[in-house]
Structures are given as C-alpha cells and as structure tokens.
C-alpha atoms as a PDB file:
ATOM      1  CA  MET A   1     -11.649  20.370  -4.895  1.00  0.00           C
ATOM      2  CA  VAL A   2      -8.600  21.172  -6.951  1.00  0.00           C
ATOM      3  CA  LEU A   3      -6.682  18.383  -4.552  1.00  0.00           C
ATOM      4  CA  VAL A   4      -9.248  15.847  -4.728  1.00  0.00           C
ATOM      5  CA  SER A   5      -9.425  16.047  -8.491  1.00  0.00           C
ATOM      6  CA  LEU A   6      -5.661  16.052  -8.903  1.00  0.00           C
ATOM      7  CA  ALA A   7      -4.844  13.076  -6.586  1.00  0.00           C
ATOM      8  CA  VAL A   8      -7.460  11.382  -8.411  1.00  0.00           C
ATOM      9  CA  GLY A   9      -6.074  11.708 -11.840  1.00  0.00           C
ATOM     10  CA  VAL A  10      -2.454  10.779 -10.530  1.00  0.00           C
ATOM     11  CA  PHE A  11      -3.770   8.080  -9.100  1.00  0.00           C
ATOM     12  CA  PHE A  12      -5.443   6.384 -11.745  1.00  0.00           C
ATOM     13  CA  LEU A  13      -2.789   7.591 -14.134  1.00  0.00           C
ATOM     14  CA  LEU A  14      -0.055   5.514 -11.813  1.00  0.00           C
ATOM     15  CA  LEU A  15      -2.888   2.454 -11.803  1.00  0.00           C
ATOM     16  CA  GLY A  16      -2.860   2.705 -15.749  1.00  0.00           C
ATOM     17  CA  TRP A  17       0.639   2.700 -16.309  1.00  0.00           C
ATOM     18  CA  ILE A  18       1.268   0.277 -13.696  1.00  0.00           C
ATOM     19  CA  LEU A  19      -1.736  -2.111 -15.187  1.00  0.00           C
ATOM     20  CA  SER A  20      -0.335  -0.990 -18.769  1.00  0.00           C
ATOM     21  CA  PHE A  21       1.934  -4.069 -18.949  1.00  0.00           C
ATOM     22  CA  VAL A  22      -2.114  -5.851 -19.217  1.00  0.00           C
ATOM     23  CA  PHE A  23      -4.988  -5.114 -21.172  1.00  0.00           C
ATOM     24  CA  ILE A  24      -6.425  -4.084 -18.193  1.00  0.00           C
ATOM     25  CA  GLY A  25      -4.670  -0.514 -17.894  1.00  0.00           C
ATOM     26  CA  VAL A  26      -6.120   0.533 -20.858  1.00  0.00           C
ATOM     27  CA  PHE A  27      -9.311   1.499 -19.080  1.00  0.00           C
ATOM     28  CA  PHE A  28      -7.497   3.582 -16.319  1.00  0.00           C
ATOM     29  CA  LEU A  29      -5.505   5.807 -18.042  1.00  0.00           C
ATOM     30  CA  PRO A  30      -8.468   7.815 -19.721  1.00  0.00           C
ATOM     31  CA  ILE A  31      -9.896   8.341 -16.051  1.00  0.00           C
ATOM     32  CA  GLY A  32      -6.456   9.296 -15.051  1.00  0.00           C
ATOM     33  CA  PHE A  33      -6.285  12.060 -18.052  1.00  0.00           C
ATOM     34  CA  ILE A  34     -10.124  13.427 -17.162  1.00  0.00           C
ATOM     35  CA  GLY A  35      -8.700  13.451 -13.348  1.00  0.00           C
ATOM     36  CA  ILE A  36      -5.756  16.004 -14.279  1.00  0.00           C
ATOM     37  CA  GLY A  37      -7.663  18.102 -16.744  1.00  0.00           C
ATOM     38  CA  ALA A  38     -10.457  18.448 -13.983  1.00  0.00           C
ATOM     39  CA  SER A  39      -7.803  19.346 -11.326  1.00  0.00           C
ATOM     40  CA  MET A  40      -6.018  21.844 -14.359  1.00  0.00           C
ATOM     41  CA  VAL A  41      -9.604  23.475 -14.890  1.00  0.00           C
ATOM     42  CA  LEU A  42     -10.519  23.594 -11.176  1.00  0.00           C
ATOM     43  CA  PHE A  43      -6.910  25.526 -10.677  1.00  0.00           C
ATOM     44  CA  THR A  44      -7.466  27.871 -13.819  1.00  0.00           C
ATOM     45  CA  LEU A  45     -10.258  28.848 -11.870  1.00  0.00           C
ATOM     46  CA  LEU A  46      -8.907  29.469  -8.487  1.00  0.00           C
ATOM     47  CA  PHE A  47      -6.059  31.633  -9.779  1.00  0.00           C
ATOM     48  CA  HIS A  48      -8.482  33.647 -11.712  1.00  0.00           C
ATOM     49  CA  LYS A  49     -10.533  34.191  -8.655  1.00  0.00           C
ATOM     50  CA  GLY A  50      -7.373  34.950  -6.790  1.00  0.00           C
ATOM     51  CA  TRP A  51      -6.032  37.592  -8.863  1.00  0.00           C
ATOM     52  CA  GLN A  52      -9.601  39.018  -8.709  1.00  0.00           C
ATOM     53  CA  LEU A  53      -9.623  39.338  -5.325  1.00  0.00           C
ATOM     54  CA  VAL A  54      -6.287  41.439  -5.291  1.00  0.00           C
ATOM     55  CA  GLN A  55      -7.240  43.876  -7.980  1.00  0.00           C
ATOM     56  CA  HIS A  56      -6.398  47.262  -7.268  1.00  0.00           C
ATOM     57  CA  GLU A  57      -5.022  50.416  -8.906  1.00  0.00           C
ATOM     58  CA  GLY A  58      -1.086  49.406 -10.296  1.00  0.00           C
ATOM     59  CA  THR A  59      -1.733  45.580  -9.878  1.00  0.00           C
ATOM     60  CA  ARG A  60       0.806  43.823 -11.883  1.00  0.00           C
ATOM     61  CA  ALA A  61      -1.842  42.223 -14.228  1.00  0.00           C
ATOM     62  CA  THR A  62      -5.982  41.727 -14.488  1.00  0.00           C
ATOM     63  CA  ALA A  63      -7.234  38.479 -13.510  1.00  0.00           C
ATOM     64  CA  ASP A  64      -7.773  37.688 -17.179  1.00  0.00           C
ATOM     65  CA  GLN A  65      -4.166  38.601 -18.536  1.00  0.00           C
ATOM     66  CA  ALA A  66      -2.760  36.211 -15.730  1.00  0.00           C
ATOM     67  CA  VAL A  67      -4.966  33.645 -16.734  1.00  0.00           C
ATOM     68  CA  VAL A  68      -4.579  34.137 -20.732  1.00  0.00           C
ATOM     69  CA  TYR A  69      -0.843  34.602 -20.956  1.00  0.00           C
ATOM     70  CA  CYS A  70      -0.274  31.303 -19.133  1.00  0.00           C
ATOM     71  CA  PHE A  71      -1.706  29.658 -22.383  1.00  0.00           C
ATOM     72  CA  VAL A  72       0.564  31.219 -24.891  1.00  0.00           C
ATOM     73  CA  VAL A  73       2.865  28.755 -25.299  1.00  0.00           C
ATOM     74  CA  PRO A  74       6.452  30.461 -26.048  1.00  0.00           C
ATOM     75  CA  TRP A  75       5.313  33.317 -23.352  1.00  0.00           C
ATOM     76  CA  ASN A  76       4.238  30.892 -20.779  1.00  0.00           C
ATOM     77  CA  PHE A  77       7.788  30.197 -19.678  1.00  0.00           C
ATOM     78  CA  TYR A  78       8.374  33.493 -18.798  1.00  0.00           C
ATOM     79  CA  TRP A  79       4.786  34.330 -17.695  1.00  0.00           C
ATOM     80  CA  PHE A  80       4.557  32.112 -15.143  1.00  0.00           C
ATOM     81  CA  PHE A  81       6.975  33.684 -12.564  1.00  0.00           C
ATOM     82  CA  PRO A  82       5.068  36.979 -12.655  1.00  0.00           C
ATOM     83  CA  ALA A  83       2.010  35.259 -12.768  1.00  0.00           C
ATOM     84  CA  PHE A  84       2.391  33.063  -9.564  1.00  0.00           C
ATOM     85  CA  ARG A  85       4.973  34.776  -7.927  1.00  0.00           C
ATOM     86  CA  GLY A  86       3.100  37.961  -8.406  1.00  0.00           C
ATOM     87  CA  LEU A  87      -0.028  36.773  -7.061  1.00  0.00           C
ATOM     88  CA  ALA A  88       1.424  35.605  -4.032  1.00  0.00           C
ATOM     89  CA  LYS A  89       2.887  39.243  -3.633  1.00  0.00           C
ATOM     90  CA  GLU A  90      -0.028  40.965  -4.296  1.00  0.00           C
ATOM     91  CA  ILE A  91      -1.876  38.545  -1.611  1.00  0.00           C
ATOM     92  CA  ASN A  92       0.820  39.153   1.136  1.00  0.00           C
ATOM     93  CA  GLN A  93       0.365  43.388   0.084  1.00  0.00           C
ATOM     94  CA  VAL A  94      -3.745  42.701   0.606  1.00  0.00           C
ATOM     95  CA  LEU A  95      -3.162  40.764   4.121  1.00  0.00           C
ATOM     96  CA  LEU A  96      -0.651  43.547   5.205  1.00  0.00           C
ATOM     97  CA  ASN A  97      -3.191  46.418   4.094  1.00  0.00           C
ATOM     98  CA  GLU A  98      -6.322  44.847   5.481  1.00  0.00           C
ATOM     99  CA  LYS A  99      -5.019  43.650   8.793  1.00  0.00           C
ATOM    100  CA  ILE A 100      -5.940  40.122   8.092  1.00  0.00           C
ATOM    101  CA  ALA A 101      -4.328  37.458  10.602  1.00  0.00           C
ATOM    102  CA  VAL A 102      -3.230  34.828   8.426  1.00  0.00           C
ATOM    103  CA  GLU A 103      -0.046  33.363   7.573  1.00  0.00           C
ATOM    104  CA  PRO A 104       1.045  35.257   4.043  1.00  0.00           C
ATOM    105  CA  MET A 105       2.086  33.374   1.171  1.00  0.00           C
ATOM    106  CA  ASN A 106       5.644  32.095   0.995  1.00  0.00           C
ATOM    107  CA  LEU A 107       7.157  33.767  -2.474  1.00  0.00           C
ATOM    108  CA  ASP A 108       9.395  30.502  -2.359  1.00  0.00           C
ATOM    109  CA  LEU A 109       6.937  28.258  -2.694  1.00  0.00           C
ATOM    110  CA  SER A 110       5.349  30.162  -5.570  1.00  0.00           C
ATOM    111  CA  LEU A 111       8.534  30.520  -7.379  1.00  0.00           C
ATOM    112  CA  TRP A 112       9.253  26.814  -7.096  1.00  0.00           C
ATOM    113  CA  PHE A 113       5.683  26.066  -8.255  1.00  0.00           C
ATOM    114  CA  ALA A 114       6.639  28.590 -11.060  1.00  0.00           C
ATOM    115  CA  ILE A 115      10.017  26.506 -11.785  1.00  0.00           C
ATOM    116  CA  LEU A 116       8.464  23.017 -11.492  1.00  0.00           C
ATOM    117  CA  LEU A 117       5.880  24.236 -13.810  1.00  0.00           C
ATOM    118  CA  ASN A 118       7.704  25.091 -16.617  1.00  0.00           C
ATOM    119  CA  CYS A 119      10.448  21.989 -15.987  1.00  0.00           C
ATOM    120  CA  SER A 120       7.310  19.871 -15.671  1.00  0.00           C
ATOM    121  CA  MET A 121       5.767  20.820 -19.503  1.00  0.00           C
ATOM    122  CA  ILE A 122       9.200  19.792 -20.987  1.00  0.00           C
ATOM    123  CA  GLY A 123       8.694  16.164 -19.007  1.00  0.00           C
ATOM    124  CA  ILE A 124      11.385  16.711 -16.068  1.00  0.00           C
ATOM    125  CA  GLY A 125      10.404  16.750 -12.503  1.00  0.00           C
ATOM    126  CA  ILE A 126       6.468  16.080 -12.760  1.00  0.00           C
ATOM    127  CA  ILE A 127       6.300  14.464  -9.100  1.00  0.00           C
ATOM    128  CA  PRO A 128       8.095  17.152  -7.468  1.00  0.00           C
ATOM    129  CA  PHE A 129       5.846  19.531  -9.232  1.00  0.00           C
ATOM    130  CA  ILE A 130       2.560  17.397  -8.291  1.00  0.00           C
ATOM    131  CA  VAL A 131       3.526  18.033  -4.294  1.00  0.00           C
ATOM    132  CA  ILE A 132       4.565  21.430  -4.539  1.00  0.00           C
ATOM    133  CA  ALA A 133       1.226  22.002  -6.527  1.00  0.00           C
ATOM    134  CA  ILE A 134      -0.668  20.437  -3.602  1.00  0.00           C
ATOM    135  CA  MET A 135       1.358  22.416  -1.271  1.00  0.00           C
ATOM    136  CA  TYR A 136       0.842  25.582  -3.257  1.00  0.00           C
ATOM    137  CA  THR A 137      -3.177  24.897  -3.978  1.00  0.00           C
ATOM    138  CA  LYS A 138      -3.611  24.331  -0.412  1.00  0.00           C
ATOM    139  CA  LYS A 139      -2.156  27.460   0.818  1.00  0.00           C
ATOM    140  CA  LEU A 140      -3.388  29.603  -1.928  1.00  0.00           C
ATOM    141  CA  THR A 141      -7.137  28.061  -1.362  1.00  0.00           C
ATOM    142  CA  ASP A 142      -6.808  29.080   2.554  1.00  0.00           C
ATOM    143  CA  THR A 143      -5.711  32.370   2.165  1.00  0.00           C
ATOM    144  CA  LEU A 144      -8.218  33.246  -0.275  1.00  0.00           C
ATOM    145  CA  VAL A 145     -10.813  32.027   2.042  1.00  0.00           C
ATOM    146  CA  ALA A 146      -9.418  33.994   4.607  1.00  0.00           C
ATOM    147  CA  ILE A 147      -9.284  37.432   2.576  1.00  0.00           C
ATOM    148  CA  THR A 148     -13.278  36.657   1.488  1.00  0.00           C
ATOM    149  CA  LEU A 149     -14.249  35.774   4.807  1.00  0.00           C
ATOM    150  CA  ALA A 150     -12.434  39.290   6.224  1.00  0.00           C
ATOM    151  CA  ARG A 151     -14.139  41.189   3.439  1.00  0.00           C
ATOM    152  CA  ALA A 152     -17.605  39.840   4.408  1.00  0.00           C
END
C-alpha cells in the first residue's frame, strides 16, 4: 500500500509539473501531494510497527522514540541514521535469534536511505531517494511479514 501511494503521488506530481505549462496541470499537483502525503503516513506506520516487532531489553529506542525523533527538525538530520539503520540491525538480530529463514536487511540500503532522505529534505537527489525508498520499503515490508508469520 505504501508503494502504491508513493507511485501514484510521484506520477501525479510529475504529470502536474509537465502539464503546469498549461492550466490543466494545476489540477494534478494537489493529487500528487495527497499521494506523497499518504505514502509518508503509511511508511511512518510501517516504521513504527517495525520497531514494535523488535522491542526487547536493550533495544536502541522504543517505537515511539524512533518515530517521534524523526520529526524533530534539527535533530532528525542525525536521528535518521540510528533510526533506519538501527531498525535494520535489530531486525537482523531478531532473524538470527529466532532462526527465521529470510534474507536479512541490507545495512547499506538503510544507510543510503537515511543519506538520501537527508539530501531530499534540502532538495538534492529526490529521484534517487524515491528509488531507494521503494527498495527499502519493499525489503522492510517483506521482512516484517516474515517475522510476523514466524511468530504466529
């Protein structure tokens, strides 16, 4: 669902930007922003659920801390790194401890996700961020589903 809303948002943003030279593009830009906003909300919920699944004694952060600190403006430029890369490390530890047969999270992918998220917030590298965001979200979703099914 996150990927679909992100794809719809990007499609309508690009369509609105292309058609903005004509008056009709004004109608597509709000649809694009709604799609991007929906994907942000859905990703935040997925991110929170991910941190909830890996909670144990000694975890780097609680689920609430991991999500809330991402929205504290000067702090979030730093916090994206421990939040996203830390979640990948915690997920890999859960997969190892519970002997779940699924490919572990790629720490480099989560690192690049945090780097490009910081860059996209200042207007640099938005297209690479979208590509990495789709890859990271897909991997995170697949891994969280595998953990949930293994525990059920």
